[in-house]
C-alpha atoms as a PDB file:
ATOM      1  CA  MET A   1     -48.070 -61.342 -22.638  1.00  0.00           C
ATOM      2  CA  PRO A   2     -45.788 -63.723 -24.592  1.00  0.00           C
ATOM      3  CA  LEU A   3     -42.110 -63.512 -23.724  1.00  0.00           C
ATOM      4  CA  SER A   4     -41.270 -62.370 -27.252  1.00  0.00           C
ATOM      5  CA  GLU A   5     -43.268 -59.154 -26.833  1.00  0.00           C
ATOM      6  CA  LYS A   6     -41.419 -57.949 -23.733  1.00  0.00           C
ATOM      7  CA  ASP A   7     -37.853 -59.246 -24.204  1.00  0.00           C
ATOM      8  CA  LYS A   8     -35.852 -57.051 -26.583  1.00  0.00           C
ATOM      9  CA  ALA A   9     -33.008 -59.578 -26.719  1.00  0.00           C
ATOM     10  CA  LEU A  10     -35.187 -62.520 -27.765  1.00  0.00           C
ATOM     11  CA  VAL A  11     -34.446 -63.647 -31.316  1.00  0.00           C
ATOM     12  CA  PHE A  12     -36.155 -67.042 -31.329  1.00  0.00           C
ATOM     13  CA  GLU A  13     -38.971 -68.542 -29.290  1.00  0.00           C
ATOM     14  CA  ASN A  14     -40.563 -71.962 -29.655  1.00  0.00           C
ATOM     15  CA  ARG A  15     -43.462 -72.003 -27.235  1.00  0.00           C
ATOM     16  CA  GLY A  16     -44.058 -75.701 -27.897  1.00  0.00           C
ATOM     17  CA  ALA A  17     -40.683 -76.828 -26.570  1.00  0.00           C
ATOM     18  CA  ASN A  18     -41.167 -77.976 -22.998  1.00  0.00           C
ATOM     19  CA  PRO A  19     -38.690 -78.888 -21.571  1.00  0.00           C
ATOM     20  CA  GLY A  20     -36.211 -77.248 -23.864  1.00  0.00           C
ATOM     21  CA  THR A  21     -32.828 -75.665 -24.355  1.00  0.00           C
ATOM     22  CA  HIS A  22     -32.535 -71.929 -23.707  1.00  0.00           C
ATOM     23  CA  VAL A  23     -29.548 -70.049 -25.124  1.00  0.00           C
ATOM     24  CA  LEU A  24     -28.247 -66.604 -24.148  1.00  0.00           C
ATOM     25  CA  ILE A  25     -25.459 -65.195 -26.326  1.00  0.00           C
ATOM     26  CA  ILE A  26     -23.581 -62.030 -25.389  1.00  0.00           C
ATOM     27  CA  GLY A  27     -21.161 -60.264 -27.743  1.00  0.00           C
ATOM     28  CA  ILE A  28     -20.086 -56.857 -26.490  1.00  0.00           C
ATOM     29  CA  GLY A  29     -17.909 -54.915 -28.907  1.00  0.00           C
ATOM     30  CA  GLU A  30     -18.595 -51.347 -27.815  1.00  0.00           C
ATOM     31  CA  TYR A  31     -16.752 -50.020 -24.781  1.00  0.00           C
ATOM     32  CA  PRO A  32     -17.137 -46.367 -23.801  1.00  0.00           C
ATOM     33  CA  HIS A  33     -13.566 -45.870 -22.521  1.00  0.00           C
ATOM     34  CA  LEU A  34     -11.719 -47.468 -25.447  1.00  0.00           C
ATOM     35  CA  ILE A  35     -10.497 -45.529 -28.505  1.00  0.00           C
ATOM     36  CA  ARG A  36     -13.473 -44.010 -30.397  1.00  0.00           C
ATOM     37  CA  GLY A  37     -15.746 -44.770 -27.459  1.00  0.00           C
ATOM     38  CA  GLU A  38     -18.365 -42.402 -26.115  1.00  0.00           C
ATOM     39  CA  ASN A  39     -16.137 -41.473 -23.133  1.00  0.00           C
ATOM     40  CA  GLU A  40     -12.738 -42.278 -24.640  1.00  0.00           C
ATOM     41  CA  ASN A  41     -10.013 -42.437 -21.999  1.00  0.00           C
ATOM     42  CA  THR A  42      -6.594 -43.064 -23.520  1.00  0.00           C
ATOM     43  CA  ALA A  43      -5.041 -43.456 -20.066  1.00  0.00           C
ATOM     44  CA  ILE A  44      -6.943 -46.686 -19.465  1.00  0.00           C
ATOM     45  CA  ALA A  45      -7.564 -47.775 -23.085  1.00  0.00           C
ATOM     46  CA  GLU A  46      -3.848 -48.550 -23.605  1.00  0.00           C
ATOM     47  CA  GLY A  47      -4.325 -48.142 -27.360  1.00  0.00           C
ATOM     48  CA  MET A  48      -7.196 -50.630 -27.529  1.00  0.00           C
ATOM     49  CA  GLU A  49      -9.963 -49.809 -30.018  1.00  0.00           C
ATOM     50  CA  GLN A  50     -13.580 -50.932 -30.186  1.00  0.00           C
ATOM     51  CA  LEU A  51     -13.961 -54.676 -30.822  1.00  0.00           C
ATOM     52  CA  ASP A  52     -15.394 -56.255 -33.976  1.00  0.00           C
ATOM     53  CA  ALA A  53     -15.045 -59.945 -33.075  1.00  0.00           C
ATOM     54  CA  PRO A  54     -17.535 -60.337 -30.188  1.00  0.00           C
ATOM     55  CA  PRO A  55     -20.678 -59.250 -32.091  1.00  0.00           C
ATOM     56  CA  ILE A  56     -19.594 -61.143 -35.224  1.00  0.00           C
ATOM     57  CA  SER A  57     -18.942 -64.285 -33.173  1.00  0.00           C
ATOM     58  CA  ALA A  58     -22.233 -63.904 -31.280  1.00  0.00           C
ATOM     59  CA  ARG A  59     -24.140 -63.788 -34.550  1.00  0.00           C
ATOM     60  CA  ALA A  60     -22.284 -66.868 -35.873  1.00  0.00           C
ATOM     61  CA  VAL A  61     -23.043 -68.854 -32.705  1.00  0.00           C
ATOM     62  CA  ALA A  62     -26.718 -67.819 -32.846  1.00  0.00           C
ATOM     63  CA  LYS A  63     -26.930 -68.869 -36.507  1.00  0.00           C
ATOM     64  CA  TRP A  64     -25.402 -72.247 -35.614  1.00  0.00           C
ATOM     65  CA  PHE A  65     -27.984 -72.854 -32.881  1.00  0.00           C
ATOM     66  CA  LEU A  66     -30.851 -71.845 -35.181  1.00  0.00           C
ATOM     67  CA  ASP A  67     -29.697 -73.978 -38.113  1.00  0.00           C
ATOM     68  CA  ASN A  68     -27.849 -76.940 -36.573  1.00  0.00           C
ATOM     69  CA  PHE A  69     -28.748 -77.570 -32.927  1.00  0.00           C
ATOM     70  CA  GLU A  70     -30.491 -80.925 -32.512  1.00  0.00           C
ATOM     71  CA  ASN A  71     -31.592 -82.469 -29.260  1.00  0.00           C
ATOM     72  CA  PRO A  72     -34.917 -84.348 -29.430  1.00  0.00           C
ATOM     73  CA  GLU A  73     -35.190 -84.484 -25.626  1.00  0.00           C
ATOM     74  CA  ARG A  74     -34.508 -80.745 -25.180  1.00  0.00           C
ATOM     75  CA  PRO A  75     -35.230 -78.886 -28.450  1.00  0.00           C
ATOM     76  CA  LEU A  76     -34.266 -75.255 -28.823  1.00  0.00           C
ATOM     77  CA  ALA A  77     -36.894 -73.350 -26.843  1.00  0.00           C
ATOM     78  CA  SER A  78     -35.442 -69.844 -26.923  1.00  0.00           C
ATOM     79  CA  LEU A  79     -32.442 -67.917 -28.095  1.00  0.00           C
ATOM     80  CA  ALA A  80     -31.658 -64.443 -26.802  1.00  0.00           C
ATOM     81  CA  MET A  81     -28.810 -62.335 -28.071  1.00  0.00           C
ATOM     82  CA  VAL A  82     -27.268 -59.184 -26.614  1.00  0.00           C
ATOM     83  CA  PHE A  83     -24.520 -57.415 -28.501  1.00  0.00           C
ATOM     84  CA  THR A  84     -23.160 -53.985 -29.210  1.00  0.00           C
ATOM     85  CA  LEU A  85     -21.072 -52.760 -32.090  1.00  0.00           C
ATOM     86  CA  ILE A  86     -19.932 -49.241 -32.712  1.00  0.00           C
ATOM     87  CA  ARG A  87     -18.815 -48.961 -36.337  1.00  0.00           C
ATOM     88  CA  SER A  88     -21.552 -50.753 -38.222  1.00  0.00           C
ATOM     89  CA  PRO A  89     -25.299 -50.441 -38.572  1.00  0.00           C
ATOM     90  CA  LEU A  90     -27.330 -53.166 -36.934  1.00  0.00           C
ATOM     91  CA  PRO A  91     -27.170 -56.345 -39.016  1.00  0.00           C
ATOM     92  CA  SER A  92     -30.150 -57.786 -40.804  1.00  0.00           C
ATOM     93  CA  PRO A  93     -32.423 -60.215 -38.946  1.00  0.00           C
ATOM     94  CA  LEU A  94     -31.121 -63.721 -38.492  1.00  0.00           C
ATOM     95  CA  ALA A  95     -32.876 -65.974 -40.984  1.00  0.00           C
ATOM     96  CA  SER A  96     -33.466 -69.654 -40.412  1.00  0.00           C
ATOM     97  CA  ALA A  97     -35.851 -72.293 -41.688  1.00  0.00           C
ATOM     98  CA  ASN A  98     -36.314 -73.502 -38.104  1.00  0.00           C
ATOM     99  CA  THR A  99     -37.682 -70.344 -36.521  1.00  0.00           C
ATOM    100  CA  LEU A 100     -41.134 -69.559 -35.244  1.00  0.00           C
ATOM    101  CA  ILE A 101     -40.436 -65.992 -34.083  1.00  0.00           C
ATOM    102  CA  ILE A 102     -37.491 -64.150 -35.575  1.00  0.00           C
ATOM    103  CA  ARG A 103     -36.561 -60.493 -35.556  1.00  0.00           C
ATOM    104  CA  SER A 104     -33.734 -58.017 -35.550  1.00  0.00           C
ATOM    105  CA  VAL A 105     -31.767 -57.534 -32.378  1.00  0.00           C
ATOM    106  CA  ASP A 106     -32.074 -54.058 -30.913  1.00  0.00           C
ATOM    107  CA  ARG A 107     -29.060 -52.164 -29.615  1.00  0.00           C
ATOM    108  CA  LEU A 108     -29.314 -52.574 -25.840  1.00  0.00           C
ATOM    109  CA  THR A 109     -27.781 -50.668 -22.966  1.00  0.00           C
ATOM    110  CA  ALA A 110     -26.696 -51.802 -19.513  1.00  0.00           C
ATOM    111  CA  GLN A 111     -29.903 -50.284 -18.114  1.00  0.00           C
ATOM    112  CA  GLU A 112     -32.059 -52.595 -20.242  1.00  0.00           C
END
């Protein structure tokens, strides 16, 4: 089974790149114990709300790798992205002229 069919975090896969560069981007913005979290706990949240920046930054870094990364000796072979965000719907798929396999990123949990 190709990696892309079993890895929910995989956004890009270039099976022809060997050896290649593999990128894992993590942008966690949803924390259960912060304000408006699933298990909000104001005693430990210290007024901190859910975070917008990590998933936005993760998407920007992924887009940069897909559109701008160049290394002829180690081309981009895979890009996986894990992020959570609480206040917004999942963003649209990342689009790039350089992709072979591209799809939306599913909302993942710690168990996955």
